[in-house]
Amino acid sequence: MARTRPTETDDLPRYFVWVRGLEGPEPQKWTAMDFGIGDWKRPLVLAYLELPVDERRLSLSMLARRYPPPRVDAS
């Protein structure tokens, strides 16, 4: 099987994620959506989006403006 050479975009985060923070939704960039042992991260994730290749280089603040936080009920 032929190996493909990794491209520069392979090293960039692939996902834009809104997580539950102490003061409301917080944006993050993740390289993978593996939720870890026992899926402990899953309740913290409010929304996620796989980024198109051309948006992976954008800053976190630019992505947060482009994809606003989800509405979270204060309960």
Protein backbone atom coordinates (compact mmCIF):
# COMPACT_ATOMS: atom_id res chain seq x y z
CA MET A 1 0.00 0.00 0.00
CA ALA A 2 1.36 3.40 -0.94
CA ARG A 3 1.88 5.89 1.85
CA THR A 4 0.76 9.41 1.31
CA ARG A 5 2.94 12.25 2.47
CA PRO A 6 1.33 14.32 5.20
CA THR A 7 0.39 17.77 4.06
CA GLU A 8 0.78 20.94 6.06
CA THR A 9 -2.97 21.01 6.79
CA ASP A 10 -2.83 17.52 8.36
CA ASP A 11 -1.10 19.03 11.40
CA LEU A 12 -3.76 21.69 11.94
CA PRO A 13 -6.80 21.21 14.19
CA ARG A 14 -9.72 19.73 12.26
CA TYR A 15 -12.60 20.59 14.59
CA PHE A 16 -14.04 23.78 16.01
CA VAL A 17 -15.70 22.92 19.32
CA TRP A 18 -17.83 24.84 21.80
CA VAL A 19 -17.39 23.42 25.31
CA ARG A 20 -19.12 24.16 28.59
CA GLY A 21 -16.88 26.60 30.47
CA LEU A 22 -17.09 28.19 33.90
CA GLU A 23 -18.60 31.38 32.48
CA GLY A 24 -20.55 29.91 29.56
CA PRO A 25 -19.60 28.39 26.20
CA GLU A 26 -15.90 28.52 25.33
CA PRO A 27 -14.46 27.94 21.84
CA GLN A 28 -11.65 25.45 21.24
CA LYS A 29 -9.90 23.82 18.31
CA TRP A 30 -9.33 20.05 18.45
CA THR A 31 -7.29 17.78 16.21
CA ALA A 32 -9.54 14.76 16.86
CA MET A 33 -12.97 14.06 18.30
CA ASP A 34 -11.88 11.14 20.47
CA PHE A 35 -13.76 11.51 23.70
CA GLY A 36 -11.33 9.62 25.91
CA ILE A 37 -11.81 6.88 28.43
CA GLY A 38 -15.42 6.56 29.52
CA ASP A 39 -16.46 9.46 27.29
CA TRP A 40 -15.80 11.92 30.14
CA LYS A 41 -15.55 14.86 27.69
CA ARG A 42 -18.90 14.23 25.99
CA PRO A 43 -21.06 16.18 28.53
CA LEU A 44 -18.71 19.16 28.17
CA VAL A 45 -19.15 19.43 24.38
CA LEU A 46 -21.99 21.75 23.42
CA ALA A 47 -21.42 21.79 19.64
CA TYR A 48 -18.73 20.88 17.14
CA LEU A 49 -18.00 21.36 13.47
CA GLU A 50 -15.45 19.72 11.20
CA LEU A 51 -13.60 22.61 9.63
CA PRO A 52 -13.08 22.85 5.87
CA VAL A 53 -9.40 22.78 4.94
CA ASP A 54 -9.34 26.51 4.12
CA GLU A 55 -10.69 27.44 7.60
CA ARG A 56 -8.26 25.34 9.69
CA ARG A 57 -5.71 28.17 9.75
CA LEU A 58 -8.16 30.76 11.07
CA SER A 59 -7.70 32.04 14.60
CA LEU A 60 -10.01 30.94 17.39
CA SER A 61 -11.52 34.43 17.65
CA MET A 62 -12.31 34.50 13.93
CA LEU A 63 -13.97 31.09 14.11
CA ALA A 64 -15.97 32.15 17.18
CA ARG A 65 -17.33 35.14 15.25
CA ARG A 66 -18.09 33.01 12.21
CA TYR A 67 -19.76 30.22 14.22
CA PRO A 68 -21.47 31.77 17.27
CA PRO A 69 -21.91 29.79 20.50
CA PRO A 70 -24.94 27.57 20.93
CA ARG A 71 -27.70 28.71 23.24
CA VAL A 72 -27.30 27.11 26.64
CA ASP A 73 -30.09 27.00 29.20
CA ALA A 74 -29.00 28.27 32.60
CA SER A 75 -30.11 25.37 34.76
